[in-house]
Amino acid sequence: MAKVLVNCTHGKEDPERAILPFIVGNVGATADQETKVLLTIDGVWLATKGYAAGVQHEGFPPLKETLEAFIRNGGEIWACSACTNPRGITQDDLVEGATIVTAANVVEYMASGASTLSF
């Protein structure tokens, strides 16, 4: 099984770049690949409860639906602790299927052979 890590650095300010990582992530997850979407910078807001509602971009499915499908398909959402901490985001603020992780977790996953892509 391959490992895929898709990095997302954007939130509502750029809906196209917020939704696309979850579209790619869904492709990996539905193909039975171990897939994680890593949220960094303002992308960490995407993992918070209620934030994804209303995030849309013409020609794309709504973020809320895409994010929920990603989790249902076995994908995991990782929110960067260095990015969540200054924004006051805690594990209790996150949607089901999302976890706050450290840089060490990310490096370990990449070192284990994960292919990476960033938006």
Protein backbone atom coordinates (compact mmCIF):
# COMPACT_ATOMS: atom_id res chain seq x y z
CA MET A 1 0.00 0.00 0.00
CA ALA A 2 1.33 3.42 -0.96
CA LYS A 3 1.30 6.38 1.42
CA VAL A 4 0.08 9.79 0.31
CA LEU A 5 0.43 13.10 2.16
CA VAL A 6 -1.41 16.11 0.72
CA ASN A 7 -0.57 19.47 2.31
CA CYS A 8 -3.13 22.28 2.45
CA THR A 9 -2.15 25.79 3.55
CA HIS A 10 -5.37 27.66 2.71
CA GLY A 11 -8.79 28.22 4.25
CA LYS A 12 -11.85 30.26 3.22
CA GLU A 13 -9.66 32.95 1.67
CA ASP A 14 -8.88 30.59 -1.23
CA PRO A 15 -11.68 28.00 -1.58
CA GLU A 16 -10.13 26.32 -4.63
CA ARG A 17 -6.90 25.58 -2.75
CA ALA A 18 -8.91 24.53 0.31
CA ILE A 19 -11.07 21.99 -1.55
CA LEU A 20 -8.54 20.50 -3.98
CA PRO A 21 -6.43 18.68 -1.34
CA PHE A 22 -9.53 16.79 -0.22
CA ILE A 23 -10.44 15.90 -3.81
CA VAL A 24 -6.93 14.47 -4.32
CA GLY A 25 -7.09 12.86 -0.89
CA ASN A 26 -10.36 11.15 -1.79
CA VAL A 27 -8.81 9.68 -4.90
CA GLY A 28 -6.03 8.18 -2.77
CA ALA A 29 -8.35 6.97 -0.02
CA THR A 30 -10.83 5.36 -2.41
CA ALA A 31 -7.92 3.60 -4.13
CA ASP A 32 -7.04 1.99 -0.78
CA GLN A 33 -3.92 4.12 -0.34
CA GLU A 34 -3.02 5.30 3.15
CA THR A 35 -3.87 8.98 2.72
CA LYS A 36 -3.53 11.95 5.04
CA VAL A 37 -4.34 15.60 4.40
CA LEU A 38 -1.92 17.76 6.38
CA LEU A 39 -3.33 21.17 7.25
CA THR A 40 -0.81 23.93 7.90
CA ILE A 41 -0.88 27.72 8.27
CA ASP A 42 -4.49 28.93 7.75
CA GLY A 43 -5.44 25.51 6.42
CA VAL A 44 -5.79 24.31 10.03
CA TRP A 45 -9.12 26.13 10.23
CA LEU A 46 -10.54 23.56 7.78
CA ALA A 47 -10.40 20.91 10.51
CA THR A 48 -12.48 22.92 12.96
CA LYS A 49 -16.15 22.15 13.54
CA GLY A 50 -18.47 24.16 11.30
CA TYR A 51 -15.72 25.91 9.33
CA ALA A 52 -16.12 23.90 6.11
CA ALA A 53 -19.82 24.75 5.76
CA GLY A 54 -20.28 27.24 2.96
CA VAL A 55 -16.77 26.89 1.50
CA GLN A 56 -17.41 26.44 -2.21
CA HIS A 57 -15.73 27.13 -5.53
CA GLU A 58 -17.38 27.01 -8.94
CA GLY A 59 -16.84 23.63 -10.58
CA PHE A 60 -15.93 21.89 -7.32
CA PRO A 61 -18.08 19.98 -4.82
CA PRO A 62 -18.65 21.81 -1.53
CA LEU A 63 -15.77 21.44 0.92
CA LYS A 64 -18.01 20.05 3.68
CA GLU A 65 -19.14 17.15 1.47
CA THR A 66 -15.63 16.48 0.17
CA LEU A 67 -14.07 16.55 3.64
CA GLU A 68 -16.73 14.23 5.07
CA ALA A 69 -16.32 11.81 2.15
CA PHE A 70 -12.55 11.79 2.68
CA ILE A 71 -13.03 10.68 6.30
CA ARG A 72 -15.67 8.08 5.34
CA ASN A 73 -13.27 6.67 2.76
CA GLY A 74 -10.60 6.09 5.39
CA GLY A 75 -8.55 9.27 5.02
CA GLU A 76 -7.09 11.08 8.01
CA ILE A 77 -6.83 14.81 8.60
CA TRP A 78 -3.69 16.02 10.35
CA ALA A 79 -3.61 19.55 11.75
CA CYS A 80 -0.14 20.97 12.43
CA SER A 81 0.38 21.69 16.13
CA ALA A 82 2.77 24.58 15.38
CA CYS A 83 -0.12 26.15 13.44
CA THR A 84 -3.06 25.24 15.70
CA ASN A 85 -1.41 26.44 18.92
CA PRO A 86 -1.09 30.15 18.02
CA ARG A 87 -4.64 30.12 16.67
CA GLY A 88 -6.01 28.69 19.91
CA ILE A 89 -7.29 25.53 18.20
CA THR A 90 -7.42 22.42 20.39
CA GLN A 91 -8.34 18.80 19.72
CA ASP A 92 -11.83 19.53 21.11
CA ASP A 93 -12.35 22.07 18.29
CA LEU A 94 -11.71 19.55 15.52
CA VAL A 95 -14.10 17.53 13.40
CA GLU A 96 -14.21 13.76 13.77
CA GLY A 97 -11.31 12.20 11.87
CA ALA A 98 -8.94 15.11 12.51
CA THR A 99 -5.94 15.00 14.85
CA ILE A 100 -3.37 17.55 15.91
CA VAL A 101 0.10 16.25 15.04
CA THR A 102 3.68 17.41 15.50
CA ALA A 103 6.40 18.01 12.95
CA ALA A 104 7.96 14.74 14.13
CA ASN A 105 4.82 12.85 13.05
CA VAL A 106 4.98 14.46 9.62
CA VAL A 107 8.69 13.77 9.15
CA GLU A 108 8.25 10.15 10.24
CA TYR A 109 5.41 9.67 7.73
CA MET A 110 7.45 11.19 4.90
CA ALA A 111 10.54 9.19 5.85
CA SER A 112 8.45 6.01 5.70
CA GLY A 113 7.92 6.63 2.00
CA ALA A 114 4.88 8.91 1.70
CA SER A 115 4.51 10.73 -1.60
CA THR A 116 3.76 14.40 -0.98
CA LEU A 117 1.81 17.10 -2.79
CA SER A 118 1.14 20.64 -1.62
CA PHE A 119 -1.58 23.22 -2.33
